[in-house]
């Protein structure tokens, strides 16, 4: 299985740490967020990865070269203009289509850490014949995705907006997205969006058109957003999260 690490963001919430480096190279206990994510993927048997870059892109390229790509095949997708999550995935489509396989791939934000079982996600994705499977948890978040009793995506809502529904359901459960998703490469033929665009509205559009976008309940796993300095400090001593690379 292949994976994409979404690492092109500006890391504004991590300032001043990102004033002179990309967020992918911000460190926890001497290990960069990129190294930590790659180690997690490698421990799950993933050896082929594409990383998108924008902010201080050359630093990421040099870092990977210096470390011999951590023993993996790593491609870099350079974005002259920051393309957001959907645009970034679409630009990297060639990597997942080059062998003309329908094998799903994993997309993983560089600024999250968890012990979510990727193998179980793959199994869940295949069993449900989903186009995309999103790791989600029941936790506080300013932005929530709405799922029906069969864990199908039905809409979303934020703290200050009314719910946006794309699929009718007797009742919906609000869940927070973990920034980790399993995606079937068929999605690229369905992406009508161009240029800069986030992936969640694409998921909502496709769910509204009858595609199977589902949630993988990850409540039993530890997860942390690493997008702020405070969360970085907490993650450094969190016993519930994966061990950092040795």
Protein backbone atom coordinates (compact mmCIF):
# COMPACT_ATOMS: atom_id res chain seq x y z
CA UNK A 1 0.00 0.00 0.00
CA UNK A 2 1.12 3.56 -0.72
CA UNK A 3 0.55 6.72 1.28
CA UNK A 4 0.57 10.49 1.00
CA UNK A 5 1.79 12.76 3.77
CA UNK A 6 0.11 16.15 3.59
CA UNK A 7 2.88 18.50 4.69
CA UNK A 8 2.62 21.59 2.50
CA UNK A 9 0.79 23.89 4.93
CA UNK A 10 2.31 27.07 6.31
CA UNK A 11 2.09 25.93 9.92
CA UNK A 12 0.81 29.31 11.11
CA UNK A 13 -0.41 27.88 14.43
CA UNK A 14 3.13 26.65 15.13
CA UNK A 15 4.78 30.06 14.89
CA UNK A 16 7.42 31.07 15.86
CA UNK A 17 8.73 27.51 15.28
CA UNK A 18 7.79 27.71 11.59
CA UNK A 19 9.36 31.12 10.99
CA UNK A 20 12.51 29.43 9.67
CA UNK A 21 11.37 25.91 8.77
CA UNK A 22 8.36 24.00 7.44
CA UNK A 23 6.04 22.39 9.95
CA UNK A 24 7.17 18.97 8.73
CA UNK A 25 10.61 19.69 10.24
CA UNK A 26 9.39 20.94 13.61
CA UNK A 27 10.64 18.53 16.27
CA UNK A 28 9.38 16.58 19.26
CA UNK A 29 12.21 15.31 21.48
CA UNK A 30 14.68 15.62 18.62
CA UNK A 31 12.50 13.92 15.99
CA UNK A 32 10.76 15.83 13.20
CA UNK A 33 7.04 15.48 12.56
CA UNK A 34 7.91 14.09 9.13
CA UNK A 35 10.21 11.44 10.60
CA UNK A 36 7.57 10.44 13.16
CA UNK A 37 4.91 10.07 10.46
CA UNK A 38 7.22 8.11 8.16
CA UNK A 39 8.14 5.78 11.03
CA UNK A 40 4.45 5.11 11.71
CA UNK A 41 3.81 4.32 8.05
CA UNK A 42 6.90 2.12 7.81
CA UNK A 43 5.90 0.16 10.92
CA UNK A 44 2.58 -0.59 9.17
CA UNK A 45 4.34 -2.02 6.14
CA UNK A 46 4.08 1.05 3.91
CA UNK A 47 7.27 1.63 1.93
CA UNK A 48 6.16 4.00 -0.85
CA UNK A 49 5.16 7.54 0.07
CA UNK A 50 4.63 10.90 -1.61
CA UNK A 51 5.00 14.10 0.42
CA UNK A 52 3.62 17.45 -0.74
CA UNK A 53 5.68 20.53 0.07
CA UNK A 54 5.40 24.30 -0.33
CA UNK A 55 6.64 26.32 2.66
CA UNK A 56 10.48 25.99 2.81
CA UNK A 57 10.12 23.15 0.29
CA UNK A 58 13.88 22.87 -0.37
CA UNK A 59 14.50 22.15 3.31
CA UNK A 60 12.25 19.08 3.15
CA UNK A 61 13.88 17.86 -0.06
CA UNK A 62 17.36 18.25 1.46
CA UNK A 63 16.27 16.60 4.71
CA UNK A 64 14.97 13.52 2.91
CA UNK A 65 18.12 13.30 0.78
CA UNK A 66 20.37 13.61 3.84
CA UNK A 67 18.50 10.77 5.53
CA UNK A 68 18.42 8.53 2.44
CA UNK A 69 14.62 8.75 2.41
CA UNK A 70 14.61 6.71 5.64
CA UNK A 71 14.99 3.55 3.56
CA UNK A 72 11.73 4.13 1.69
CA UNK A 73 10.69 5.21 -1.77
CA UNK A 74 9.68 8.82 -1.21
CA UNK A 75 8.50 11.15 -3.96
CA UNK A 76 8.03 14.89 -3.42
CA UNK A 77 5.14 16.88 -4.89
CA UNK A 78 6.18 20.54 -4.97
CA UNK A 79 3.36 23.08 -4.94
CA UNK A 80 4.29 26.55 -6.20
CA UNK A 81 0.86 27.67 -5.00
CA UNK A 82 -0.50 26.05 -1.84
CA UNK A 83 -3.23 23.75 -3.19
CA UNK A 84 -4.99 22.78 0.06
CA UNK A 85 -5.78 19.15 0.84
CA UNK A 86 -7.93 18.33 -2.18
CA UNK A 87 -5.75 20.12 -4.70
CA UNK A 88 -2.65 18.56 -3.17
CA UNK A 89 -4.10 15.06 -3.46
CA UNK A 90 -5.17 15.66 -7.05
CA UNK A 91 -1.71 16.91 -8.03
CA UNK A 92 -0.21 13.71 -6.61
CA UNK A 93 -2.69 11.44 -8.41
CA UNK A 94 -0.02 10.12 -10.80
CA UNK A 95 1.74 8.40 -7.88
CA UNK A 96 -1.33 6.31 -7.07
CA UNK A 97 -2.33 5.63 -10.67
CA UNK A 98 1.04 4.69 -12.17
CA UNK A 99 0.51 0.95 -11.64
CA UNK A 100 -3.17 1.11 -12.64
CA UNK A 101 -4.27 -0.64 -9.47
CA UNK A 102 -7.42 -0.18 -7.43
CA UNK A 103 -5.51 -0.66 -4.16
CA UNK A 104 -6.50 2.07 -1.66
CA UNK A 105 -3.93 4.47 -0.31
CA UNK A 106 -3.55 6.25 3.01
CA UNK A 107 -3.54 10.04 3.34
CA UNK A 108 -2.06 11.32 6.59
CA UNK A 109 -1.60 14.89 7.85
CA UNK A 110 1.98 15.49 9.00
CA UNK A 111 0.79 17.40 12.07
CA UNK A 112 -1.18 14.62 13.73
CA UNK A 113 0.04 11.61 15.70
CA UNK A 114 -1.94 8.55 16.74
CA UNK A 115 -1.82 4.81 17.32
CA UNK A 116 -4.79 4.20 15.00
CA UNK A 117 -4.58 0.71 13.50
CA UNK A 118 -4.11 1.26 9.75
CA UNK A 119 -4.62 -2.45 9.02
CA UNK A 120 -8.07 -2.31 10.59
CA UNK A 121 -8.83 0.79 8.53
CA UNK A 122 -7.88 -1.07 5.35
CA UNK A 123 -10.11 -3.98 6.33
CA UNK A 124 -13.00 -1.65 7.17
CA UNK A 125 -12.53 0.22 3.89
CA UNK A 126 -12.56 -2.95 1.81
CA UNK A 127 -15.50 -4.54 3.61
CA UNK A 128 -17.68 -1.48 3.08
CA UNK A 129 -16.54 -0.98 -0.55
CA UNK A 130 -16.04 2.68 0.30
CA UNK A 131 -14.66 5.37 -1.95
CA UNK A 132 -13.07 6.95 1.12
CA UNK A 133 -12.87 5.99 4.78
CA UNK A 134 -12.23 8.75 7.32
CA UNK A 135 -10.83 8.10 10.79
CA UNK A 136 -13.16 9.93 13.17
CA UNK A 137 -13.65 10.25 16.91
CA UNK A 138 -16.32 11.46 19.30
CA UNK A 139 -14.52 14.44 20.80
CA UNK A 140 -14.82 18.21 21.03
CA UNK A 141 -14.05 20.05 17.80
CA UNK A 142 -15.15 23.32 16.22
CA UNK A 143 -15.85 21.42 13.01
CA UNK A 144 -17.82 18.18 13.02
CA UNK A 145 -18.75 15.74 10.28
CA UNK A 146 -22.18 14.14 10.50
CA UNK A 147 -22.64 10.38 10.05
CA UNK A 148 -25.73 8.17 10.06
CA UNK A 149 -26.15 4.92 11.97
CA UNK A 150 -24.26 3.05 9.22
CA UNK A 151 -21.34 5.49 9.54
CA UNK A 152 -22.05 7.04 6.12
CA UNK A 153 -21.15 10.70 5.70
CA UNK A 154 -24.29 12.82 5.62
CA UNK A 155 -23.13 16.39 6.27
CA UNK A 156 -21.15 18.71 8.49
CA UNK A 157 -21.53 21.54 10.94
CA UNK A 158 -19.34 24.05 12.73
CA UNK A 159 -19.82 25.96 15.98
CA UNK A 160 -21.28 29.04 14.30
CA UNK A 161 -23.11 27.51 11.31
CA UNK A 162 -26.24 25.48 10.77
CA UNK A 163 -25.77 21.88 9.67
CA UNK A 164 -25.08 21.33 5.96
CA UNK A 165 -26.75 18.07 4.92
CA UNK A 166 -25.96 16.19 1.71
CA UNK A 167 -27.73 12.92 2.51
CA UNK A 168 -30.94 12.47 4.46
CA UNK A 169 -30.90 10.38 7.62
CA UNK A 170 -33.29 9.90 10.56
CA UNK A 171 -30.50 10.95 12.90
CA UNK A 172 -26.85 11.88 12.60
CA UNK A 173 -23.91 11.66 14.94
CA UNK A 174 -21.32 14.50 14.99
CA UNK A 175 -17.74 13.19 14.86
CA UNK A 176 -14.37 14.89 14.52
CA UNK A 177 -12.09 14.04 11.59
CA UNK A 178 -8.58 12.87 12.55
CA UNK A 179 -6.77 13.92 9.36
CA UNK A 180 -6.19 10.26 8.43
CA UNK A 181 -8.12 8.72 5.55
CA UNK A 182 -8.09 5.64 3.34
CA UNK A 183 -8.94 6.49 -0.27
CA UNK A 184 -9.65 4.43 -3.37
CA UNK A 185 -7.82 5.80 -6.43
CA UNK A 186 -11.15 5.87 -8.30
CA UNK A 187 -11.72 9.19 -6.55
CA UNK A 188 -9.42 10.96 -8.98
CA UNK A 189 -11.80 10.34 -11.88
CA UNK A 190 -14.57 11.95 -9.80
CA UNK A 191 -12.67 15.08 -8.74
CA UNK A 192 -14.23 17.81 -10.87
CA UNK A 193 -12.69 20.50 -8.67
CA UNK A 194 -9.61 22.27 -10.04
CA UNK A 195 -6.73 24.24 -8.56
CA UNK A 196 -6.92 25.10 -4.87
CA UNK A 197 -9.58 23.20 -2.91
CA UNK A 198 -10.00 21.30 0.38
CA UNK A 199 -10.92 17.62 0.31
CA UNK A 200 -13.86 17.65 2.77
CA UNK A 201 -16.25 19.58 0.46
CA UNK A 202 -15.35 17.06 -2.26
CA UNK A 203 -16.25 14.23 0.08
CA UNK A 204 -19.54 15.94 0.88
CA UNK A 205 -20.35 16.48 -2.81
CA UNK A 206 -19.62 12.87 -3.64
CA UNK A 207 -21.58 11.59 -0.63
CA UNK A 208 -24.52 13.67 -1.83
CA UNK A 209 -24.22 11.99 -5.23
CA UNK A 210 -24.49 8.55 -3.66
CA UNK A 211 -20.83 7.62 -3.27
CA UNK A 212 -19.93 5.63 -0.16
CA UNK A 213 -17.91 7.94 2.08
CA UNK A 214 -17.76 6.35 5.52
CA UNK A 215 -16.34 6.88 8.97
CA UNK A 216 -13.94 4.56 10.79
CA UNK A 217 -14.59 4.95 14.51
CA UNK A 218 -11.23 5.54 16.18
CA UNK A 219 -12.48 6.34 19.68
CA UNK A 220 -10.40 3.54 21.26
CA UNK A 221 -7.14 4.96 19.91
CA UNK A 222 -4.98 7.81 21.15
CA UNK A 223 -4.75 10.79 18.80
CA UNK A 224 -3.31 14.28 19.06
CA UNK A 225 -3.22 17.34 16.86
CA UNK A 226 0.38 18.59 16.70
CA UNK A 227 -0.51 21.87 15.03
CA UNK A 228 0.17 24.10 18.05
CA UNK A 229 3.20 24.64 20.29
CA UNK A 230 1.16 23.62 23.35
CA UNK A 231 0.12 20.34 21.76
CA UNK A 232 3.69 19.58 20.75
CA UNK A 233 4.75 19.95 24.36
CA UNK A 234 1.94 17.68 25.58
CA UNK A 235 2.70 15.03 22.94
CA UNK A 236 6.32 14.83 24.11
CA UNK A 237 5.19 13.24 27.39
CA UNK A 238 1.92 11.52 26.35
CA UNK A 239 2.27 7.78 27.23
CA UNK A 240 -0.76 6.86 25.12
CA UNK A 241 0.84 7.87 21.83
CA UNK A 242 3.26 5.77 19.75
CA UNK A 243 6.89 5.64 20.79
CA UNK A 244 9.09 8.11 18.95
CA UNK A 245 11.66 6.68 16.50
CA UNK A 246 14.88 5.41 18.07
